[in-house]
All heavy atoms as atom14 arrays in JSON, in Angstrom:
{
  "sequence": "LEDNEIINPRGWDGTRYGNRLVLNTLEYRI",
  "atom14_mask": [
    [1, 1, 1, 1, 1, 1, 1, 1, 0, 0, 0, 0, 0, 0],
    [1, 1, 1, 1, 1, 1, 1, 1, 1, 0, 0, 0, 0, 0],
    [1, 1, 1, 1, 1, 1, 1, 1, 0, 0, 0, 0, 0, 0],
    [1, 1, 1, 1, 1, 1, 1, 1, 0, 0, 0, 0, 0, 0],
    [1, 1, 1, 1, 1, 1, 1, 1, 1, 0, 0, 0, 0, 0],
    [1, 1, 1, 1, 1, 1, 1, 1, 0, 0, 0, 0, 0, 0],
    [1, 1, 1, 1, 1, 1, 1, 1, 0, 0, 0, 0, 0, 0],
    [1, 1, 1, 1, 1, 1, 1, 1, 0, 0, 0, 0, 0, 0],
    [1, 1, 1, 1, 1, 1, 1, 0, 0, 0, 0, 0, 0, 0],
    [1, 1, 1, 1, 1, 1, 1, 1, 1, 1, 1, 0, 0, 0],
    [1, 1, 1, 1, 0, 0, 0, 0, 0, 0, 0, 0, 0, 0],
    [1, 1, 1, 1, 1, 1, 1, 1, 1, 1, 1, 1, 1, 1],
    [1, 1, 1, 1, 1, 1, 1, 1, 0, 0, 0, 0, 0, 0],
    [1, 1, 1, 1, 0, 0, 0, 0, 0, 0, 0, 0, 0, 0],
    [1, 1, 1, 1, 1, 1, 1, 0, 0, 0, 0, 0, 0, 0],
    [1, 1, 1, 1, 1, 1, 1, 1, 1, 1, 1, 0, 0, 0],
    [1, 1, 1, 1, 1, 1, 1, 1, 1, 1, 1, 1, 0, 0],
    [1, 1, 1, 1, 0, 0, 0, 0, 0, 0, 0, 0, 0, 0],
    [1, 1, 1, 1, 1, 1, 1, 1, 0, 0, 0, 0, 0, 0],
    [1, 1, 1, 1, 1, 1, 1, 1, 1, 1, 1, 0, 0, 0],
    [1, 1, 1, 1, 1, 1, 1, 1, 0, 0, 0, 0, 0, 0],
    [1, 1, 1, 1, 1, 1, 1, 0, 0, 0, 0, 0, 0, 0],
    [1, 1, 1, 1, 1, 1, 1, 1, 0, 0, 0, 0, 0, 0],
    [1, 1, 1, 1, 1, 1, 1, 1, 0, 0, 0, 0, 0, 0],
    [1, 1, 1, 1, 1, 1, 1, 0, 0, 0, 0, 0, 0, 0],
    [1, 1, 1, 1, 1, 1, 1, 1, 0, 0, 0, 0, 0, 0],
    [1, 1, 1, 1, 1, 1, 1, 1, 1, 0, 0, 0, 0, 0],
    [1, 1, 1, 1, 1, 1, 1, 1, 1, 1, 1, 1, 0, 0],
    [1, 1, 1, 1, 1, 1, 1, 1, 1, 1, 1, 0, 0, 0],
    [1, 1, 1, 1, 1, 1, 1, 1, 0, 0, 0, 0, 0, 0]
  ],
  "atom14_positions": [
    [[-37.13, -58.56, -193.71], [-38.21, -58.92, -194.7], [-39.42, -57.98, -194.63], [-40.42, -58.21, -195.23], [-38.71, -60.36, -194.46], [-37.55, -61.4, -194.64], [-38.13, -62.81, -194.27], [-37.02, -61.4, -196.04], [0.0, 0.0, 0.0], [0.0, 0.0, 0.0], [0.0, 0.0, 0.0], [0.0, 0.0, 0.0], [0.0, 0.0, 0.0], [0.0, 0.0, 0.0]],
    [[-39.25, -56.91, -193.88], [-40.32, -55.83, -193.69], [-41.56, -56.5, -193.23], [-41.65, -57.15, -192.28], [-40.48, -55.03, -194.98], [-39.13, -54.27, -195.31], [-39.3, -53.37, -196.53], [-40.43, -53.12, -196.95], [-38.26, -52.96, -197.06], [0.0, 0.0, 0.0], [0.0, 0.0, 0.0], [0.0, 0.0, 0.0], [0.0, 0.0, 0.0], [0.0, 0.0, 0.0]],
    [[-42.68, -56.22, -194.0], [-44.02, -56.68, -193.52], [-44.15, -58.21, -193.51], [-45.06, -58.71, -192.82], [-45.11, -56.13, -194.49], [-45.32, -54.65, -194.27], [-44.92, -54.1, -193.18], [-45.77, -53.97, -195.22], [0.0, 0.0, 0.0], [0.0, 0.0, 0.0], [0.0, 0.0, 0.0], [0.0, 0.0, 0.0], [0.0, 0.0, 0.0], [0.0, 0.0, 0.0]],
    [[-43.32, -58.86, -194.23], [-43.44, -60.35, -194.27], [-42.59, -61.03, -193.23], [-41.74, -61.82, -193.48], [-43.01, -60.82, -195.74], [-43.91, -60.27, -196.79], [-45.15, -60.29, -196.61], [-43.36, -59.69, -197.83], [0.0, 0.0, 0.0], [0.0, 0.0, 0.0], [0.0, 0.0, 0.0], [0.0, 0.0, 0.0], [0.0, 0.0, 0.0], [0.0, 0.0, 0.0]],
    [[-42.93, -60.7, -192.02], [-42.27, -61.28, -190.83], [-42.41, -62.8, -190.87], [-43.48, -63.31, -191.09], [-42.87, -60.66, -189.58], [-42.27, -61.23, -188.29], [-42.97, -60.66, -187.06], [-43.82, -59.78, -187.22], [-42.53, -61.1, -185.99], [0.0, 0.0, 0.0], [0.0, 0.0, 0.0], [0.0, 0.0, 0.0], [0.0, 0.0, 0.0], [0.0, 0.0, 0.0]],
    [[-41.36, -63.47, -190.48], [-41.4, -64.9, -190.37], [-42.03, -65.19, -188.97], [-41.51, -64.74, -187.97], [-40.05, -65.57, -190.47], [-39.59, -65.34, -191.96], [-40.07, -67.03, -190.08], [-38.19, -65.78, -192.21], [0.0, 0.0, 0.0], [0.0, 0.0, 0.0], [0.0, 0.0, 0.0], [0.0, 0.0, 0.0], [0.0, 0.0, 0.0], [0.0, 0.0, 0.0]],
    [[-43.16, -65.79, -188.95], [-43.81, -66.14, -187.67], [-43.63, -67.62, -187.39], [-44.11, -68.44, -188.12], [-45.32, -65.72, -187.74], [-45.42, -64.21, -188.01], [-46.06, -66.11, -186.49], [-46.79, -63.66, -188.16], [0.0, 0.0, 0.0], [0.0, 0.0, 0.0], [0.0, 0.0, 0.0], [0.0, 0.0, 0.0], [0.0, 0.0, 0.0], [0.0, 0.0, 0.0]],
    [[-42.87, -67.78, -186.33], [-42.34, -69.12, -186.03], [-42.44, -69.43, -184.59], [-41.65, -68.91, -183.73], [-40.89, -69.18, -186.52], [-40.15, -70.4, -186.23], [-40.48, -71.16, -185.28], [-39.1, -70.65, -187.05], [0.0, 0.0, 0.0], [0.0, 0.0, 0.0], [0.0, 0.0, 0.0], [0.0, 0.0, 0.0], [0.0, 0.0, 0.0], [0.0, 0.0, 0.0]],
    [[-43.52, -70.1, -184.09], [-43.61, -70.36, -182.66], [-42.36, -71.14, -182.18], [-42.02, -72.17, -182.79], [-44.88, -71.24, -182.55], [-45.66, -70.95, -183.8], [-44.63, -70.63, -184.86], [0.0, 0.0, 0.0], [0.0, 0.0, 0.0], [0.0, 0.0, 0.0], [0.0, 0.0, 0.0], [0.0, 0.0, 0.0], [0.0, 0.0, 0.0], [0.0, 0.0, 0.0]],
    [[-41.78, -70.66, -181.16], [-40.53, -71.28, -180.68], [-40.85, -72.74, -180.14], [-41.81, -72.82, -179.41], [-39.87, -70.44, -179.6], [-39.38, -69.13, -180.19], [-38.99, -68.18, -179.12], [-40.31, -67.63, -178.53], [-40.28, -66.62, -177.71], [-39.22, -66.05, -177.27], [-41.47, -66.2, -177.2], [0.0, 0.0, 0.0], [0.0, 0.0, 0.0], [0.0, 0.0, 0.0]],
    [[-40.09, -73.71, -180.58], [-40.29, -75.05, -180.08], [-41.24, -75.9, -180.94], [-41.68, -76.94, -180.55], [0.0, 0.0, 0.0], [0.0, 0.0, 0.0], [0.0, 0.0, 0.0], [0.0, 0.0, 0.0], [0.0, 0.0, 0.0], [0.0, 0.0, 0.0], [0.0, 0.0, 0.0], [0.0, 0.0, 0.0], [0.0, 0.0, 0.0], [0.0, 0.0, 0.0]],
    [[-41.66, -75.34, -182.12], [-42.58, -76.01, -182.95], [-42.03, -76.11, -184.36], [-41.51, -75.11, -184.86], [-43.92, -75.24, -183.02], [-44.98, -75.85, -183.9], [-45.68, -76.92, -183.65], [-45.36, -75.36, -185.19], [-46.59, -77.15, -184.69], [-46.38, -76.2, -185.63], [-44.94, -74.31, -185.95], [-47.03, -76.01, -186.9], [-45.58, -74.13, -187.18], [-46.64, -75.03, -187.62]],
    [[-42.07, -77.28, -184.95], [-41.59, -77.47, -186.32], [-42.8, -77.84, -187.18], [-43.53, -78.78, -186.92], [-40.55, -78.63, -186.42], [-39.24, -78.2, -185.76], [-38.85, -77.07, -185.9], [-38.62, -79.06, -185.11], [0.0, 0.0, 0.0], [0.0, 0.0, 0.0], [0.0, 0.0, 0.0], [0.0, 0.0, 0.0], [0.0, 0.0, 0.0], [0.0, 0.0, 0.0]],
    [[-42.98, -77.05, -188.21], [-44.12, -77.3, -189.08], [-44.45, -76.1, -189.92], [-43.8, -75.04, -189.83], [0.0, 0.0, 0.0], [0.0, 0.0, 0.0], [0.0, 0.0, 0.0], [0.0, 0.0, 0.0], [0.0, 0.0, 0.0], [0.0, 0.0, 0.0], [0.0, 0.0, 0.0], [0.0, 0.0, 0.0], [0.0, 0.0, 0.0], [0.0, 0.0, 0.0]],
    [[-45.52, -76.26, -190.72], [-46.0, -75.17, -191.54], [-47.48, -75.19, -191.58], [-48.08, -76.26, -191.61], [-45.45, -75.3, -192.97], [-44.02, -75.36, -192.95], [-45.86, -74.12, -193.88], [0.0, 0.0, 0.0], [0.0, 0.0, 0.0], [0.0, 0.0, 0.0], [0.0, 0.0, 0.0], [0.0, 0.0, 0.0], [0.0, 0.0, 0.0], [0.0, 0.0, 0.0]],
    [[-48.11, -74.05, -191.44], [-49.56, -73.89, -191.57], [-49.86, -72.65, -192.36], [-49.23, -71.58, -192.11], [-50.24, -73.72, -190.24], [-50.35, -75.05, -189.53], [-51.36, -74.93, -188.35], [-51.27, -76.08, -187.59], [-51.82, -76.17, -186.37], [-52.47, -75.16, -185.84], [-51.67, -77.27, -185.63], [0.0, 0.0, 0.0], [0.0, 0.0, 0.0], [0.0, 0.0, 0.0]],
    [[-50.68, -72.73, -193.32], [-51.06, -71.61, -194.15], [-52.52, -71.27, -193.91], [-53.24, -72.08, -193.49], [-50.87, -71.91, -195.64], [-49.48, -72.1, -196.11], [-48.93, -73.39, -196.22], [-48.65, -71.07, -196.32], [-47.61, -73.59, -196.56], [-47.27, -71.21, -196.67], [-46.82, -72.5, -196.81], [-45.5, -72.69, -197.17], [0.0, 0.0, 0.0], [0.0, 0.0, 0.0]],
    [[-52.89, -70.01, -194.23], [-54.29, -69.65, -194.09], [-54.51, -68.19, -194.49], [-53.59, -67.51, -194.92], [0.0, 0.0, 0.0], [0.0, 0.0, 0.0], [0.0, 0.0, 0.0], [0.0, 0.0, 0.0], [0.0, 0.0, 0.0], [0.0, 0.0, 0.0], [0.0, 0.0, 0.0], [0.0, 0.0, 0.0], [0.0, 0.0, 0.0], [0.0, 0.0, 0.0]],
    [[-55.75, -67.69, -194.29], [-56.03, -66.36, -194.58], [-56.33, -65.59, -193.23], [-56.68, -64.44, -193.21], [-57.17, -66.15, -195.54], [-58.41, -66.85, -195.18], [-58.7, -67.21, -193.99], [-59.29, -67.09, -196.17], [0.0, 0.0, 0.0], [0.0, 0.0, 0.0], [0.0, 0.0, 0.0], [0.0, 0.0, 0.0], [0.0, 0.0, 0.0], [0.0, 0.0, 0.0]],
    [[-56.13, -66.31, -192.12], [-56.17, -65.76, -190.8], [-54.93, -66.34, -190.03], [-54.6, -67.51, -190.13], [-57.45, -66.24, -190.05], [-58.73, -65.86, -190.75], [-58.94, -64.35, -190.79], [-60.25, -64.02, -191.29], [-60.52, -63.63, -192.51], [-59.58, -63.59, -193.46], [-61.78, -63.31, -192.88], [0.0, 0.0, 0.0], [0.0, 0.0, 0.0], [0.0, 0.0, 0.0]],
    [[-54.29, -65.46, -189.25], [-53.16, -65.84, -188.43], [-53.12, -65.01, -187.11], [-53.35, -63.85, -187.2], [-51.84, -65.58, -189.24], [-50.58, -66.08, -188.59], [-49.64, -66.53, -189.69], [-49.93, -65.01, -187.75], [0.0, 0.0, 0.0], [0.0, 0.0, 0.0], [0.0, 0.0, 0.0], [0.0, 0.0, 0.0], [0.0, 0.0, 0.0], [0.0, 0.0, 0.0]],
    [[-52.86, -65.73, -186.01], [-52.78, -65.14, -184.73], [-51.56, -65.65, -184.08], [-51.33, -66.86, -184.06], [-54.06, -65.36, -183.86], [-53.83, -64.73, -182.49], [-55.27, -64.74, -184.53], [0.0, 0.0, 0.0], [0.0, 0.0, 0.0], [0.0, 0.0, 0.0], [0.0, 0.0, 0.0], [0.0, 0.0, 0.0], [0.0, 0.0, 0.0], [0.0, 0.0, 0.0]],
    [[-50.81, -64.73, -183.39], [-49.62, -65.1, -182.57], [-49.69, -64.33, -181.33], [-49.91, -63.15, -181.33], [-48.33, -64.77, -183.32], [-47.06, -64.84, -182.43], [-46.66, -66.3, -182.12], [-45.84, -64.16, -183.15], [0.0, 0.0, 0.0], [0.0, 0.0, 0.0], [0.0, 0.0, 0.0], [0.0, 0.0, 0.0], [0.0, 0.0, 0.0], [0.0, 0.0, 0.0]],
    [[-49.53, -65.05, -180.18], [-49.36, -64.41, -178.87], [-48.08, -64.91, -178.29], [-47.82, -66.08, -178.24], [-50.54, -64.75, -178.02], [-50.35, -64.19, -176.58], [-50.0, -64.91, -175.68], [-50.52, -62.88, -176.4], [0.0, 0.0, 0.0], [0.0, 0.0, 0.0], [0.0, 0.0, 0.0], [0.0, 0.0, 0.0], [0.0, 0.0, 0.0], [0.0, 0.0, 0.0]],
    [[-47.27, -64.0, -177.78], [-46.06, -64.29, -177.08], [-46.12, -63.72, -175.69], [-46.62, -62.64, -175.48], [-44.84, -63.71, -177.83], [-44.71, -64.32, -179.11], [-43.58, -63.87, -177.0], [0.0, 0.0, 0.0], [0.0, 0.0, 0.0], [0.0, 0.0, 0.0], [0.0, 0.0, 0.0], [0.0, 0.0, 0.0], [0.0, 0.0, 0.0], [0.0, 0.0, 0.0]],
    [[-45.75, -64.55, -174.75], [-45.69, -64.09, -173.32], [-44.32, -64.45, -172.79], [-43.89, -65.61, -172.94], [-46.77, -64.78, -172.54], [-46.85, -64.28, -171.07], [-47.27, -62.8, -170.96], [-47.95, -65.12, -170.36], [0.0, 0.0, 0.0], [0.0, 0.0, 0.0], [0.0, 0.0, 0.0], [0.0, 0.0, 0.0], [0.0, 0.0, 0.0], [0.0, 0.0, 0.0]],
    [[-43.6, -63.49, -172.16], [-42.25, -63.76, -171.67], [-42.11, -63.0, -170.33], [-42.62, -61.92, -170.18], [-41.18, -63.15, -172.62], [-41.23, -63.81, -173.99], [-40.19, -63.17, -174.92], [-39.36, -62.34, -174.51], [-40.21, -63.63, -176.12], [0.0, 0.0, 0.0], [0.0, 0.0, 0.0], [0.0, 0.0, 0.0], [0.0, 0.0, 0.0], [0.0, 0.0, 0.0]],
    [[-41.34, -63.63, -169.47], [-40.88, -62.95, -168.28], [-39.37, -62.91, -168.34], [-38.7, -63.95, -168.28], [-41.31, -63.68, -166.97], [-40.92, -62.9, -165.74], [-41.55, -61.72, -165.42], [-39.89, -63.36, -164.92], [-41.11, -60.97, -164.33], [-39.45, -62.64, -163.87], [-40.11, -61.39, -163.52], [-39.72, -60.73, -162.46], [0.0, 0.0, 0.0], [0.0, 0.0, 0.0]],
    [[-38.83, -61.67, -168.45], [-37.38, -61.46, -168.7], [-36.69, -60.88, -167.46], [-37.23, -59.94, -166.86], [-37.18, -60.54, -169.9], [-37.86, -60.93, -171.11], [-37.68, -59.83, -172.18], [-38.35, -60.19, -173.43], [-38.65, -59.3, -174.32], [-38.32, -58.02, -174.17], [-39.24, -59.64, -175.43], [0.0, 0.0, 0.0], [0.0, 0.0, 0.0], [0.0, 0.0, 0.0]],
    [[-35.5, -61.34, -167.29], [-34.61, -60.66, -166.3], [-33.22, -60.49, -166.98], [-32.74, -61.37, -167.64], [-34.37, -61.58, -165.02], [-35.79, -61.77, -164.37], [-33.42, -61.05, -164.07], [-35.73, -62.81, -163.24], [0.0, 0.0, 0.0], [0.0, 0.0, 0.0], [0.0, 0.0, 0.0], [0.0, 0.0, 0.0], [0.0, 0.0, 0.0], [0.0, 0.0, 0.0]]
  ]
}
C-alpha cells in the first residue's frame, strides 16, 4: 500500500482517526 501503511497495534482491536498519529514498537528478538 506504499505510503498508506496499515498501522495496527498488535493485540488491540479498534479504529481511531485523527490528523496526528504516533506509533512506537519495541521488540527483543532472538
